[in-house]
C-alpha atoms as a PDB file:
ATOM      1  CA  MET A   1      12.978 110.386 104.983  1.00  0.00           C
ATOM      2  CA  SER A   2      14.443 107.093 103.544  1.00  0.00           C
ATOM      3  CA  ALA A   3      17.540 105.231 103.929  1.00  0.00           C
ATOM      4  CA  ALA A   4      18.784 106.037 100.630  1.00  0.00           C
ATOM      5  CA  SER A   5      18.223 109.594 100.847  1.00  0.00           C
ATOM      6  CA  THR A   6      19.773 109.605 104.331  1.00  0.00           C
ATOM      7  CA  SER A   7      22.783 107.836 102.691  1.00  0.00           C
ATOM      8  CA  GLY A   8      23.121 109.593 100.060  1.00  0.00           C
ATOM      9  CA  ASN A   9      22.727 113.121 101.903  1.00  0.00           C
ATOM     10  CA  ASN A  10      25.796 111.534 103.911  1.00  0.00           C
ATOM     11  CA  ILE A  11      27.600 111.239 101.096  1.00  0.00           C
ATOM     12  CA  ARG A  12      27.155 114.924  99.706  1.00  0.00           C
ATOM     13  CA  ALA A  13      27.902 116.412 103.171  1.00  0.00           C
ATOM     14  CA  ALA A  14      31.375 113.971 102.866  1.00  0.00           C
ATOM     15  CA  PHE A  15      32.139 115.669  99.348  1.00  0.00           C
ATOM     16  CA  SER A  16      31.710 118.701 100.624  1.00  0.00           C
ATOM     17  CA  TYR A  17      33.418 117.997 103.412  1.00  0.00           C
ATOM     18  CA  CYS A  18      36.439 117.436 101.226  1.00  0.00           C
ATOM     19  CA  VAL A  19      36.347 120.350  99.408  1.00  0.00           C
ATOM     20  CA  GLN A  20      36.473 122.258 102.223  1.00  0.00           C
ATOM     21  CA  GLN A  21      39.497 120.904 103.427  1.00  0.00           C
ATOM     22  CA  VAL A  22      41.405 121.297 100.381  1.00  0.00           C
ATOM     23  CA  ARG A  23      40.465 124.741  99.853  1.00  0.00           C
ATOM     24  CA  SER A  24      41.129 125.077 103.828  1.00  0.00           C
ATOM     25  CA  PHE A  25      44.349 123.241 103.822  1.00  0.00           C
ATOM     26  CA  ASP A  26      45.985 122.993 100.276  1.00  0.00           C
ATOM     27  CA  TYR A  27      44.496 126.120  98.403  1.00  0.00           C
ATOM     28  CA  HIS A  28      47.128 126.100  95.768  1.00  0.00           C
ATOM     29  CA  HIS A  29      45.642 122.619  94.597  1.00  0.00           C
ATOM     30  CA  TYR A  30      42.463 123.826  95.745  1.00  0.00           C
ATOM     31  CA  LEU A  31      42.277 126.469  92.836  1.00  0.00           C
ATOM     32  CA  CYS A  32      43.621 123.635  90.210  1.00  0.00           C
ATOM     33  CA  LEU A  33      41.058 121.076  90.471  1.00  0.00           C
ATOM     34  CA  LEU A  34      38.840 123.795  90.183  1.00  0.00           C
ATOM     35  CA  HIS A  35      39.850 123.344  86.387  1.00  0.00           C
ATOM     36  CA  LEU A  36      39.223 119.140  86.195  1.00  0.00           C
ATOM     37  CA  PRO A  37      36.099 117.967  84.089  1.00  0.00           C
ATOM     38  CA  PRO A  38      33.736 117.745  86.953  1.00  0.00           C
ATOM     39  CA  PRO A  39      33.547 113.757  86.705  1.00  0.00           C
ATOM     40  CA  MET A  40      37.504 113.670  87.560  1.00  0.00           C
ATOM     41  CA  ARG A  41      37.074 116.601  89.643  1.00  0.00           C
ATOM     42  CA  LYS A  42      34.931 115.186  92.207  1.00  0.00           C
ATOM     43  CA  ALA A  43      37.380 112.140  92.953  1.00  0.00           C
ATOM     44  CA  ALA A  44      40.736 114.646  92.960  1.00  0.00           C
ATOM     45  CA  PHE A  45      39.357 116.835  95.959  1.00  0.00           C
ATOM     46  CA  VAL A  46      38.808 112.849  97.984  1.00  0.00           C
ATOM     47  CA  PHE A  47      42.008 112.494  97.129  1.00  0.00           C
ATOM     48  CA  ARG A  48      43.145 115.658  98.109  1.00  0.00           C
ATOM     49  CA  ALA A  49      41.261 115.456 101.248  1.00  0.00           C
ATOM     50  CA  PHE A  50      42.543 112.542 101.923  1.00  0.00           C
ATOM     51  CA  ASN A  51      46.162 113.617 101.235  1.00  0.00           C
ATOM     52  CA  VAL A  52      45.339 116.461 103.683  1.00  0.00           C
ATOM     53  CA  GLU A  53      44.260 114.312 106.066  1.00  0.00           C
ATOM     54  CA  ILE A  54      47.400 111.924 106.736  1.00  0.00           C
ATOM     55  CA  ALA A  55      49.787 115.254 106.003  1.00  0.00           C
ATOM     56  CA  ARG A  56      48.047 117.159 109.048  1.00  0.00           C
ATOM     57  CA  ALA A  57      48.220 113.498 111.546  1.00  0.00           C
ATOM     58  CA  MET A  58      51.459 114.449 113.242  1.00  0.00           C
ATOM     59  CA  ASP A  59      51.027 118.286 113.214  1.00  0.00           C
ATOM     60  CA  VAL A  60      50.220 117.588 117.569  1.00  0.00           C
ATOM     61  CA  SER A  61      51.600 118.044 119.998  1.00  0.00           C
ATOM     62  CA  GLU A  62      52.262 114.585 121.119  1.00  0.00           C
ATOM     63  CA  PRO A  63      54.109 112.250 117.882  1.00  0.00           C
ATOM     64  CA  ARG A  64      52.814 109.554 119.898  1.00  0.00           C
ATOM     65  CA  ALA A  65      49.085 110.505 118.990  1.00  0.00           C
ATOM     66  CA  GLY A  66      49.835 111.560 115.245  1.00  0.00           C
ATOM     67  CA  LEU A  67      51.422 108.536 114.834  1.00  0.00           C
ATOM     68  CA  MET A  68      48.663 106.495 115.709  1.00  0.00           C
ATOM     69  CA  ARG A  69      46.054 108.327 113.812  1.00  0.00           C
ATOM     70  CA  LEU A  70      47.664 107.470 110.737  1.00  0.00           C
ATOM     71  CA  LEU A  71      47.435 103.959 111.961  1.00  0.00           C
ATOM     72  CA  TRP A  72      44.167 104.657 112.283  1.00  0.00           C
ATOM     73  CA  TRP A  73      43.972 105.343 108.579  1.00  0.00           C
ATOM     74  CA  GLN A  74      46.094 102.284 107.230  1.00  0.00           C
ATOM     75  CA  GLU A  75      43.401 100.156 108.933  1.00  0.00           C
ATOM     76  CA  VAL A  76      40.897 102.126 107.677  1.00  0.00           C
ATOM     77  CA  ILE A  77      41.899 101.987 103.798  1.00  0.00           C
ATOM     78  CA  ASP A  78      41.585  97.871 104.758  1.00  0.00           C
ATOM     79  CA  LYS A  79      37.878  98.216 106.009  1.00  0.00           C
ATOM     80  CA  ILE A  80      36.486 100.859 102.528  1.00  0.00           C
ATOM     81  CA  PHE A  81      38.291  97.788 100.471  1.00  0.00           C
ATOM     82  CA  SER A  82      36.250  95.321 102.425  1.00  0.00           C
ATOM     83  CA  LYS A  83      33.377  96.958 102.096  1.00  0.00           C
ATOM     84  CA  LYS A  84      33.339  98.117 106.230  1.00  0.00           C
ATOM     85  CA  LEU A  85      31.484 101.604 106.424  1.00  0.00           C
ATOM     86  CA  VAL A  86      33.899 103.656 108.891  1.00  0.00           C
ATOM     87  CA  GLU A  87      31.793 106.990 109.397  1.00  0.00           C
ATOM     88  CA  GLN A  88      34.267 109.344 108.954  1.00  0.00           C
ATOM     89  CA  PRO A  89      33.798 112.083 106.048  1.00  0.00           C
ATOM     90  CA  VAL A  90      36.833 112.039 104.189  1.00  0.00           C
ATOM     91  CA  ALA A  91      36.598 108.105 104.895  1.00  0.00           C
ATOM     92  CA  MET A  92      33.122 107.788 103.046  1.00  0.00           C
ATOM     93  CA  ALA A  93      33.756 110.109 100.459  1.00  0.00           C
ATOM     94  CA  ILE A  94      36.568 107.545  99.555  1.00  0.00           C
ATOM     95  CA  SER A  95      34.739 104.570 100.122  1.00  0.00           C
ATOM     96  CA  ALA A  96      31.684 106.415  97.621  1.00  0.00           C
ATOM     97  CA  VAL A  97      34.546 106.655  95.077  1.00  0.00           C
ATOM     98  CA  ILE A  98      36.457 103.349  94.695  1.00  0.00           C
ATOM     99  CA  SER A  99      32.601 102.354  94.078  1.00  0.00           C
ATOM    100  CA  GLU A 100      32.582 104.179  90.984  1.00  0.00           C
ATOM    101  CA  HIS A 101      35.842 104.148  89.628  1.00  0.00           C
ATOM    102  CA  LYS A 102      38.548 101.713  90.028  1.00  0.00           C
ATOM    103  CA  ILE A 103      41.190 103.127  92.136  1.00  0.00           C
ATOM    104  CA  SER A 104      44.434 100.969  93.511  1.00  0.00           C
ATOM    105  CA  LYS A 105      44.612 100.467  96.769  1.00  0.00           C
ATOM    106  CA  HIS A 106      48.207 100.560  96.585  1.00  0.00           C
ATOM    107  CA  TRP A 107      48.434 103.873  96.066  1.00  0.00           C
ATOM    108  CA  LEU A 108      46.472 104.695  99.286  1.00  0.00           C
ATOM    109  CA  LYS A 109      48.132 102.640 101.418  1.00  0.00           C
ATOM    110  CA  ARG A 110      52.001 103.615  99.618  1.00  0.00           C
ATOM    111  CA  SER A 111      51.129 107.464 100.432  1.00  0.00           C
ATOM    112  CA  ILE A 112      50.299 106.205 104.630  1.00  0.00           C
ATOM    113  CA  ASP A 113      52.930 103.705 104.474  1.00  0.00           C
ATOM    114  CA  ALA A 114      55.618 106.885 103.386  1.00  0.00           C
ATOM    115  CA  ARG A 115      53.995 108.991 106.264  1.00  0.00           C
ATOM    116  CA  ILE A 116      54.262 106.382 109.002  1.00  0.00           C
ATOM    117  CA  ASN A 117      57.874 105.659 108.017  1.00  0.00           C
ATOM    118  CA  ASP A 118      59.009 109.297 107.943  1.00  0.00           C
ATOM    119  CA  ALA A 119      56.820 109.512 111.582  1.00  0.00           C
ATOM    120  CA  ASN A 120      58.675 106.379 112.780  1.00  0.00           C
ATOM    121  CA  LYS A 121      62.252 107.638 112.401  1.00  0.00           C
ATOM    122  CA  GLU A 122      64.153 108.777 114.989  1.00  0.00           C
ATOM    123  CA  ASN A 123      63.628 112.169 116.558  1.00  0.00           C
ATOM    124  CA  GLY A 124      66.631 114.449 114.400  1.00  0.00           C
ATOM    125  CA  SER A 125      67.316 111.844 111.477  1.00  0.00           C
ATOM    126  CA  ILE A 126      67.260 113.290 107.853  1.00  0.00           C
ATOM    127  CA  PRO A 127      67.023 110.898 104.304  1.00  0.00           C
ATOM    128  CA  GLY A 128      70.274 109.970 103.527  1.00  0.00           C
ATOM    129  CA  THR A 129      70.049 110.720 100.091  1.00  0.00           C
ATOM    130  CA  LEU A 130      68.604 112.609  97.565  1.00  0.00           C
ATOM    131  CA  SER A 131      66.811 109.591  96.018  1.00  0.00           C
ATOM    132  CA  ASP A 132      65.233 109.197  99.671  1.00  0.00           C
ATOM    133  CA  LEU A 133      63.499 112.457  98.859  1.00  0.00           C
ATOM    134  CA  GLU A 134      62.297 111.785  95.876  1.00  0.00           C
ATOM    135  CA  LYS A 135      61.102 108.337  96.297  1.00  0.00           C
ATOM    136  CA  TYR A 136      58.720 110.326  99.563  1.00  0.00           C
ATOM    137  CA  ALA A 137      57.824 113.071  97.356  1.00  0.00           C
ATOM    138  CA  GLU A 138      56.574 109.949  94.526  1.00  0.00           C
ATOM    139  CA  ASP A 139      54.704 108.513  97.580  1.00  0.00           C
ATOM    140  CA  THR A 140      52.833 111.386  99.037  1.00  0.00           C
ATOM    141  CA  LEU A 141      52.328 113.077  95.803  1.00  0.00           C
ATOM    142  CA  SER A 142      52.610 111.626  92.564  1.00  0.00           C
ATOM    143  CA  THR A 143      50.355 108.660  94.262  1.00  0.00           C
ATOM    144  CA  ILE A 144      47.129 111.286  93.794  1.00  0.00           C
ATOM    145  CA  LEU A 145      47.969 111.906  90.561  1.00  0.00           C
ATOM    146  CA  TYR A 146      47.847 108.501  89.389  1.00  0.00           C
ATOM    147  CA  MET A 147      44.495 107.802  91.396  1.00  0.00           C
ATOM    148  CA  THR A 148      42.993 110.995  89.480  1.00  0.00           C
ATOM    149  CA  LEU A 149      44.239 109.220  86.151  1.00  0.00           C
ATOM    150  CA  GLN A 150      42.679 106.084  87.151  1.00  0.00           C
ATOM    151  CA  ALA A 151      39.580 107.807  88.072  1.00  0.00           C
ATOM    152  CA  GLY A 152      39.346 109.311  84.724  1.00  0.00           C
ATOM    153  CA  GLY A 153      39.753 106.327  82.970  1.00  0.00           C
ATOM    154  CA  ILE A 154      43.316 107.387  81.603  1.00  0.00           C
ATOM    155  CA  GLN A 155      45.729 104.672  80.773  1.00  0.00           C
ATOM    156  CA  SER A 156      48.697 106.246  79.309  1.00  0.00           C
ATOM    157  CA  THR A 157      52.285 105.441  80.052  1.00  0.00           C
ATOM    158  CA  ALA A 158      53.228 108.993  79.128  1.00  0.00           C
ATOM    159  CA  ALA A 159      50.158 110.177  81.667  1.00  0.00           C
ATOM    160  CA  ASP A 160      52.214 108.728  84.242  1.00  0.00           C
ATOM    161  CA  HIS A 161      55.635 109.351  83.622  1.00  0.00           C
ATOM    162  CA  ALA A 162      54.308 112.944  83.757  1.00  0.00           C
ATOM    163  CA  ALA A 163      52.716 112.360  87.076  1.00  0.00           C
ATOM    164  CA  SER A 164      55.612 110.753  88.454  1.00  0.00           C
ATOM    165  CA  HIS A 165      57.758 113.799  87.765  1.00  0.00           C
ATOM    166  CA  ILE A 166      55.197 116.627  88.526  1.00  0.00           C
ATOM    167  CA  GLY A 167      54.228 114.396  92.089  1.00  0.00           C
ATOM    168  CA  LYS A 168      58.368 114.396  92.630  1.00  0.00           C
ATOM    169  CA  ALA A 169      58.892 118.339  92.036  1.00  0.00           C
ATOM    170  CA  SER A 170      55.435 119.366  94.215  1.00  0.00           C
ATOM    171  CA  GLY A 171      56.782 117.132  96.703  1.00  0.00           C
ATOM    172  CA  LEU A 172      60.485 117.961  96.931  1.00  0.00           C
ATOM    173  CA  LEU A 173      59.381 121.941  96.866  1.00  0.00           C
ATOM    174  CA  LEU A 174      56.583 121.668  99.442  1.00  0.00           C
ATOM    175  CA  LEU A 175      59.105 120.046 101.922  1.00  0.00           C
ATOM    176  CA  LEU A 176      61.819 122.787 101.160  1.00  0.00           C
ATOM    177  CA  LYS A 177      58.689 124.984 101.619  1.00  0.00           C
ATOM    178  CA  SER A 178      58.429 123.747 105.193  1.00  0.00           C
ATOM    179  CA  LEU A 179      61.215 123.978 106.763  1.00  0.00           C
ATOM    180  CA  PRO A 180      60.990 126.956 109.060  1.00  0.00           C
ATOM    181  CA  TYR A 181      58.029 125.646 109.725  1.00  0.00           C
ATOM    182  CA  HIS A 182      58.941 121.873 111.005  1.00  0.00           C
ATOM    183  CA  ALA A 183      62.649 124.598 112.564  1.00  0.00           C
ATOM    184  CA  ALA A 184      60.123 126.414 114.606  1.00  0.00           C
ATOM    185  CA  ARG A 185      58.137 123.832 115.859  1.00  0.00           C
ATOM    186  CA  THR A 186      60.466 121.379 116.359  1.00  0.00           C
ATOM    187  CA  GLY A 187      63.685 123.247 116.312  1.00  0.00           C
ATOM    188  CA  ARG A 188      65.252 121.199 113.721  1.00  0.00           C
ATOM    189  CA  ILE A 189      65.255 121.210 109.632  1.00  0.00           C
ATOM    190  CA  PRO A 190      64.228 118.069 108.487  1.00  0.00           C
ATOM    191  CA  TYR A 191      63.846 116.999 104.733  1.00  0.00           C
ATOM    192  CA  ILE A 192      68.145 118.480 103.823  1.00  0.00           C
ATOM    193  CA  PRO A 193      69.337 114.792 102.997  1.00  0.00           C
ATOM    194  CA  VAL A 194      72.571 113.810 104.786  1.00  0.00           C
ATOM    195  CA  GLU A 195      74.416 113.793 101.428  1.00  0.00           C
ATOM    196  CA  VAL A 196      73.556 117.676 100.617  1.00  0.00           C
ATOM    197  CA  ALA A 197      73.842 118.573 104.489  1.00  0.00           C
ATOM    198  CA  LYS A 198      77.265 117.235 104.646  1.00  0.00           C
ATOM    199  CA  LYS A 199      78.397 118.958 101.081  1.00  0.00           C
ATOM    200  CA  HIS A 200      77.595 122.194 101.689  1.00  0.00           C
ATOM    201  CA  GLY A 201      78.880 121.851 105.710  1.00  0.00           C
ATOM    202  CA  LEU A 202      75.774 121.511 107.247  1.00  0.00           C
ATOM    203  CA  LEU A 203      75.679 118.211 108.741  1.00  0.00           C
ATOM    204  CA  ALA A 204      75.875 118.237 112.599  1.00  0.00           C
ATOM    205  CA  THR A 205      76.047 115.451 114.926  1.00  0.00           C
ATOM    206  CA  GLN A 206      74.295 114.816 118.107  1.00  0.00           C
ATOM    207  CA  ASN A 207      73.994 111.364 120.242  1.00  0.00           C
ATOM    208  CA  GLY A 208      74.882 109.643 117.216  1.00  0.00           C
ATOM    209  CA  ARG A 209      72.282 111.045 115.042  1.00  0.00           C
ATOM    210  CA  ALA A 210      72.725 113.750 111.935  1.00  0.00           C
ATOM    211  CA  GLY A 211      71.481 116.650 111.981  1.00  0.00           C
ATOM    212  CA  ILE A 212      71.364 119.714 109.766  1.00  0.00           C
ATOM    213  CA  ARG A 213      72.625 122.831 111.441  1.00  0.00           C
ATOM    214  CA  MET A 214      70.126 125.785 112.130  1.00  0.00           C
ATOM    215  CA  GLU A 215      72.258 128.870 111.066  1.00  0.00           C
ATOM    216  CA  SER A 216      69.859 130.266 107.970  1.00  0.00           C
ATOM    217  CA  ASP A 217      72.863 131.669 106.012  1.00  0.00           C
ATOM    218  CA  GLU A 218      74.184 130.902 102.895  1.00  0.00           C
ATOM    219  CA  HIS A 219      75.178 127.286 102.971  1.00  0.00           C
ATOM    220  CA  LEU A 220      71.251 126.396 104.245  1.00  0.00           C
ATOM    221  CA  ALA A 221      70.437 128.442 100.693  1.00  0.00           C
ATOM    222  CA  ASP A 222      72.415 126.179  98.606  1.00  0.00           C
ATOM    223  CA  ALA A 223      71.435 122.723 100.361  1.00  0.00           C
ATOM    224  CA  VAL A 224      67.899 124.238  99.429  1.00  0.00           C
ATOM    225  CA  PHE A 225      68.856 125.251  95.879  1.00  0.00           C
ATOM    226  CA  GLU A 226      70.410 121.689  95.231  1.00  0.00           C
ATOM    227  CA  VAL A 227      67.339 120.186  96.165  1.00  0.00           C
ATOM    228  CA  ALA A 228      65.450 122.774  94.206  1.00  0.00           C
ATOM    229  CA  ALA A 229      67.815 121.977  91.093  1.00  0.00           C
ATOM    230  CA  VAL A 230      66.197 118.332  91.256  1.00  0.00           C
ATOM    231  CA  ALA A 231      62.551 119.287  91.499  1.00  0.00           C
ATOM    232  CA  ARG A 232      63.686 121.769  88.640  1.00  0.00           C
ATOM    233  CA  ALA A 233      64.776 118.337  86.863  1.00  0.00           C
ATOM    234  CA  HIS A 234      61.406 116.666  87.124  1.00  0.00           C
ATOM    235  CA  LEU A 235      59.483 119.559  85.351  1.00  0.00           C
ATOM    236  CA  GLN A 236      61.179 120.056  82.482  1.00  0.00           C
ATOM    237  CA  LYS A 237      61.128 116.067  81.976  1.00  0.00           C
ATOM    238  CA  SER A 238      57.035 116.535  82.416  1.00  0.00           C
ATOM    239  CA  ARG A 239      57.339 118.825  79.909  1.00  0.00           C
ATOM    240  CA  ASP A 240      59.662 117.269  77.261  1.00  0.00           C
ATOM    241  CA  LEU A 241      56.623 114.535  77.715  1.00  0.00           C
ATOM    242  CA  ALA A 242      53.469 116.803  77.360  1.00  0.00           C
ATOM    243  CA  ALA A 243      53.318 116.119  73.592  1.00  0.00           C
ATOM    244  CA  THR A 244      53.029 112.729  74.067  1.00  0.00           C
ATOM    245  CA  VAL A 245      50.577 112.781  76.745  1.00  0.00           C
ATOM    246  CA  PRO A 246      46.631 112.522  76.112  1.00  0.00           C
ATOM    247  CA  ALA A 247      44.753 115.468  76.118  1.00  0.00           C
ATOM    248  CA  GLU A 248      42.565 114.105  78.170  1.00  0.00           C
ATOM    249  CA  ALA A 249      45.198 114.084  81.149  1.00  0.00           C
ATOM    250  CA  LYS A 250      46.268 117.550  80.695  1.00  0.00           C
ATOM    251  CA  PRO A 251      43.913 118.904  83.310  1.00  0.00           C
ATOM    252  CA  ILE A 252      44.615 116.159  85.805  1.00  0.00           C
ATOM    253  CA  LEU A 253      48.816 117.718  84.975  1.00  0.00           C
ATOM    254  CA  LEU A 254      48.006 120.986  85.923  1.00  0.00           C
ATOM    255  CA  PRO A 255      49.770 121.192  90.017  1.00  0.00           C
ATOM    256  CA  ALA A 256      53.032 121.186  87.771  1.00  0.00           C
ATOM    257  CA  VAL A 257      52.046 125.475  86.989  1.00  0.00           C
ATOM    258  CA  PRO A 258      52.096 125.829  91.379  1.00  0.00           C
ATOM    259  CA  ALA A 259      54.908 123.526  91.822  1.00  0.00           C
ATOM    260  CA  GLN A 260      56.823 125.859  89.175  1.00  0.00           C
ATOM    261  CA  VAL A 261      55.183 128.900  90.747  1.00  0.00           C
ATOM    262  CA  LEU A 262      56.864 128.371  94.156  1.00  0.00           C
ATOM    263  CA  LEU A 263      60.190 127.256  92.009  1.00  0.00           C
ATOM    264  CA  ASP A 264      60.260 130.560  91.168  1.00  0.00           C
ATOM    265  CA  SER A 265      59.418 131.955  94.062  1.00  0.00           C
ATOM    266  CA  LEU A 266      62.348 130.053  95.982  1.00  0.00           C
ATOM    267  CA  GLN A 267      64.684 131.503  93.045  1.00  0.00           C
ATOM    268  CA  LYS A 268      63.590 135.006  93.689  1.00  0.00           C
ATOM    269  CA  ALA A 269      63.850 134.922  97.571  1.00  0.00           C
ATOM    270  CA  HIS A 270      67.626 133.763  96.633  1.00  0.00           C
ATOM    271  CA  PHE A 271      66.598 129.829  98.267  1.00  0.00           C
ATOM    272  CA  ASN A 272      66.635 131.419 101.141  1.00  0.00           C
ATOM    273  CA  VAL A 273      63.224 129.636 102.444  1.00  0.00           C
ATOM    274  CA  PHE A 274      62.549 132.269 106.134  1.00  0.00           C
ATOM    275  CA  ASP A 275      62.371 134.294 103.609  1.00  0.00           C
ATOM    276  CA  SER A 276      58.619 136.446 104.369  1.00  0.00           C
ATOM    277  CA  SER A 277      57.831 136.624 100.819  1.00  0.00           C
ATOM    278  CA  LEU A 278      57.299 132.715 100.486  1.00  0.00           C
ATOM    279  CA  ALA A 279      54.130 133.041 102.737  1.00  0.00           C
ATOM    280  CA  ARG A 280      52.685 135.852 100.726  1.00  0.00           C
ATOM    281  CA  GLY A 281      49.398 135.140  98.443  1.00  0.00           C
ATOM    282  CA  VAL A 282      49.884 131.854  97.488  1.00  0.00           C
ATOM    283  CA  LEU A 283      53.218 130.188  96.987  1.00  0.00           C
ATOM    284  CA  GLY A 284      54.610 133.352  97.411  1.00  0.00           C
ATOM    285  CA  VAL A 285      52.632 135.497  94.537  1.00  0.00           C
ATOM    286  CA  SER A 286      49.155 137.575  94.407  1.00  0.00           C
ATOM    287  CA  PRO A 287      46.315 134.849  94.245  1.00  0.00           C
ATOM    288  CA  LEU A 288      45.233 137.089  91.269  1.00  0.00           C
ATOM    289  CA  TRP A 289      48.667 136.261  89.209  1.00  0.00           C
ATOM    290  CA  TYR A 290      48.155 132.681  90.511  1.00  0.00           C
ATOM    291  CA  GLN A 291      44.619 132.211  88.730  1.00  0.00           C
ATOM    292  CA  LEU A 292      45.509 133.613  86.003  1.00  0.00           C
ATOM    293  CA  LYS A 293      48.652 131.989  85.504  1.00  0.00           C
ATOM    294  CA  LEU A 294      46.182 128.399  86.147  1.00  0.00           C
ATOM    295  CA  LYS A 295      43.779 129.959  83.410  1.00  0.00           C
ATOM    296  CA  TRP A 296      46.533 130.561  81.344  1.00  0.00           C
ATOM    297  CA  TYR A 297      47.916 127.205  81.230  1.00  0.00           C
ATOM    298  CA  ALA A 298      44.645 125.152  81.669  1.00  0.00           C
ATOM    299  CA  TRP A 299      43.434 127.124  78.372  1.00  0.00           C
ATOM    300  CA  ARG A 300      46.104 126.323  76.732  1.00  0.00           C
ATOM    301  CA  LYS A 301      46.422 122.239  77.523  1.00  0.00           C
ATOM    302  CA  VAL A 302      50.036 122.127  77.902  1.00  0.00           C
END
């Protein structure tokens, strides 16, 4: 077998690995990506798989090991853009995508830097403001949409703005959904900002650090509602831009649908993030209903 043939097989295996990672760990977005045109779909799966890799880096018993993994990825991106081979499936797939499309290194680095900054926070620290939380959501999720638009060769200010709002909404809502996981794993609630926690009587101080009282009561639900309301506003802004977004960009912005589904599920649960209904199906709804909703919006191109 020739070297070129072996290389081609390795790249195909890397892309297949990316698809499986997204399907396993980001299923609601996996279903969104199936509606993309094939040339965009390949790049989008790679970007989502990259997000899975760095999002799961800290899911280890020793935080320092997770941080080292993130720092490793920071170096990997530098190597990829220096055209150096990194024999890791997602890294190989990223390398193939950037050789085919003009993808900004800035977005990849920004996403990793946001995760590193979050991991570097002192144990028990939480965001100070809603703006801080919005920036984290944009840095980690809007960047995926920006890169997918780049891969599709789409240059549109309206599409970029819509992607920003959708990413922020998705990020905020997924952080809220993750609160029970973090509470069970670390014994703390990390993503309710200080200003919101203080307003709703949830702020506690221990050893000079601000934290959230762990009670799963109406006060926490009120705080979750306030963060969710910001996400709702971002979704509305993305809808307001829909008429000015190019048709070819609209499939890339389909993640607005799972964001709305999750928002609706949270509302149905009265913003109690510990409600078991949120863990059922896909984002709290049946898989069939979710797929039908996606197909409807993909068909309408709105």
